[in-house]
Amino acid sequence: NCTPYIAVNATYEDTIVPQEYVRGGQIVLNISPTAVHKFGINKNVLQFSARFGGVSRDLFIPLPAITAIYAKETGGGMVFPTDEYDNLS
């Protein structure tokens, strides 16, 4: 029953996130079912819509741009090495 958050490298190529919420090249996003809609994931990309300041925005996040996933309440989760996907095609 924890809230899933992801940390995203917002400077990664083809990443589409609301830039006004990016800090230090990174954005942290709540991806719980109550926070997002039109959620989709495949082997290359995570896509969903979420509200920012009351405005719905479509996000497009290549999986290599995700640097961590963790629970808001405990901080427990996984950090991904930045070179994790370098050898995948």
Protein backbone atom coordinates (compact mmCIF):
# COMPACT_ATOMS: atom_id res chain seq x y z
CA ASN A 1 0.00 0.00 0.00
CA CYS A 2 2.85 2.38 -0.75
CA THR A 3 2.91 5.21 -3.29
CA PRO A 4 5.24 4.42 -6.23
CA TYR A 5 7.51 7.26 -7.31
CA ILE A 6 9.99 7.32 -10.16
CA ALA A 7 12.98 9.61 -10.61
CA VAL A 8 13.53 10.56 -14.24
CA ASN A 9 16.51 12.08 -16.04
CA ALA A 10 14.55 14.81 -17.82
CA THR A 11 17.48 15.55 -20.15
CA TYR A 12 17.45 12.05 -21.66
CA GLU A 13 16.76 12.06 -25.41
CA ASP A 14 13.05 12.01 -26.40
CA THR A 15 11.86 12.39 -22.80
CA ILE A 16 8.69 14.46 -22.58
CA VAL A 17 7.86 15.74 -19.09
CA PRO A 18 6.65 19.16 -17.87
CA GLN A 19 9.90 21.12 -17.89
CA GLU A 20 8.65 23.68 -15.36
CA TYR A 21 8.78 20.92 -12.72
CA VAL A 22 12.30 19.73 -13.57
CA ARG A 23 14.99 20.51 -10.98
CA GLY A 24 18.65 19.83 -11.61
CA GLY A 25 17.80 17.88 -14.76
CA GLN A 26 15.54 15.49 -12.81
CA ILE A 27 11.84 15.14 -12.12
CA VAL A 28 10.18 12.90 -9.55
CA LEU A 29 6.76 11.53 -10.51
CA ASN A 30 4.00 9.78 -8.61
CA ILE A 31 2.88 6.86 -10.81
CA SER A 32 0.15 5.46 -8.56
CA PRO A 33 -3.12 4.48 -10.28
CA THR A 34 -4.89 7.43 -8.65
CA ALA A 35 -2.30 9.92 -9.98
CA VAL A 36 -2.09 8.82 -13.62
CA HIS A 37 -4.33 7.68 -16.44
CA LYS A 38 -3.78 6.17 -19.89
CA PHE A 39 -0.81 4.33 -18.33
CA GLY A 40 1.19 2.17 -20.73
CA ILE A 41 4.57 0.51 -20.60
CA ASN A 42 6.51 -1.68 -22.99
CA LYS A 43 10.15 -2.73 -23.28
CA ASN A 44 11.18 0.75 -24.44
CA VAL A 45 8.94 3.42 -22.97
CA LEU A 46 6.59 4.44 -20.17
CA GLN A 47 3.67 6.67 -21.19
CA PHE A 48 0.85 8.17 -19.17
CA SER A 49 -1.12 11.33 -18.51
CA ALA A 50 -1.06 13.19 -15.22
CA ARG A 51 -2.26 16.50 -13.87
CA PHE A 52 0.19 19.28 -13.05
CA GLY A 53 -1.26 22.43 -11.56
CA GLY A 54 -4.71 21.17 -12.56
CA VAL A 55 -3.74 20.72 -16.22
CA SER A 56 -3.58 17.26 -17.81
CA ARG A 57 -0.23 16.55 -19.48
CA ASP A 58 0.95 13.61 -21.58
CA LEU A 59 4.33 12.19 -20.53
CA PHE A 60 6.68 10.06 -22.61
CA ILE A 61 9.60 8.51 -20.74
CA PRO A 62 12.11 6.18 -22.41
CA LEU A 63 12.94 3.46 -19.87
CA PRO A 64 16.65 4.35 -19.76
CA ALA A 65 15.62 7.81 -18.50
CA ILE A 66 14.23 6.26 -15.30
CA THR A 67 16.96 6.47 -12.69
CA ALA A 68 15.05 5.10 -9.68
CA ILE A 69 11.76 3.68 -8.47
CA TYR A 70 10.85 3.82 -4.82
CA ALA A 71 8.05 3.99 -2.26
CA LYS A 72 7.25 7.49 -1.03
CA GLU A 73 6.44 6.28 2.47
CA THR A 74 9.56 4.20 3.11
CA GLY A 75 12.10 5.38 0.55
CA GLY A 76 12.74 1.70 -0.26
CA GLY A 77 13.23 0.84 -3.90
CA MET A 78 15.83 0.51 -6.62
CA VAL A 79 18.33 2.88 -8.20
CA PHE A 80 19.32 2.03 -11.75
CA PRO A 81 22.86 2.54 -13.04
CA THR A 82 22.97 5.18 -15.75
CA ASP A 83 24.63 2.71 -18.14
CA GLU A 84 22.03 -0.05 -17.51
CA TYR A 85 20.69 0.07 -21.08
CA ASP A 86 23.88 0.94 -22.98
CA ASN A 87 24.28 -2.52 -24.53
CA LEU A 88 20.61 -3.12 -25.40
CA SER A 89 19.26 -2.63 -28.89
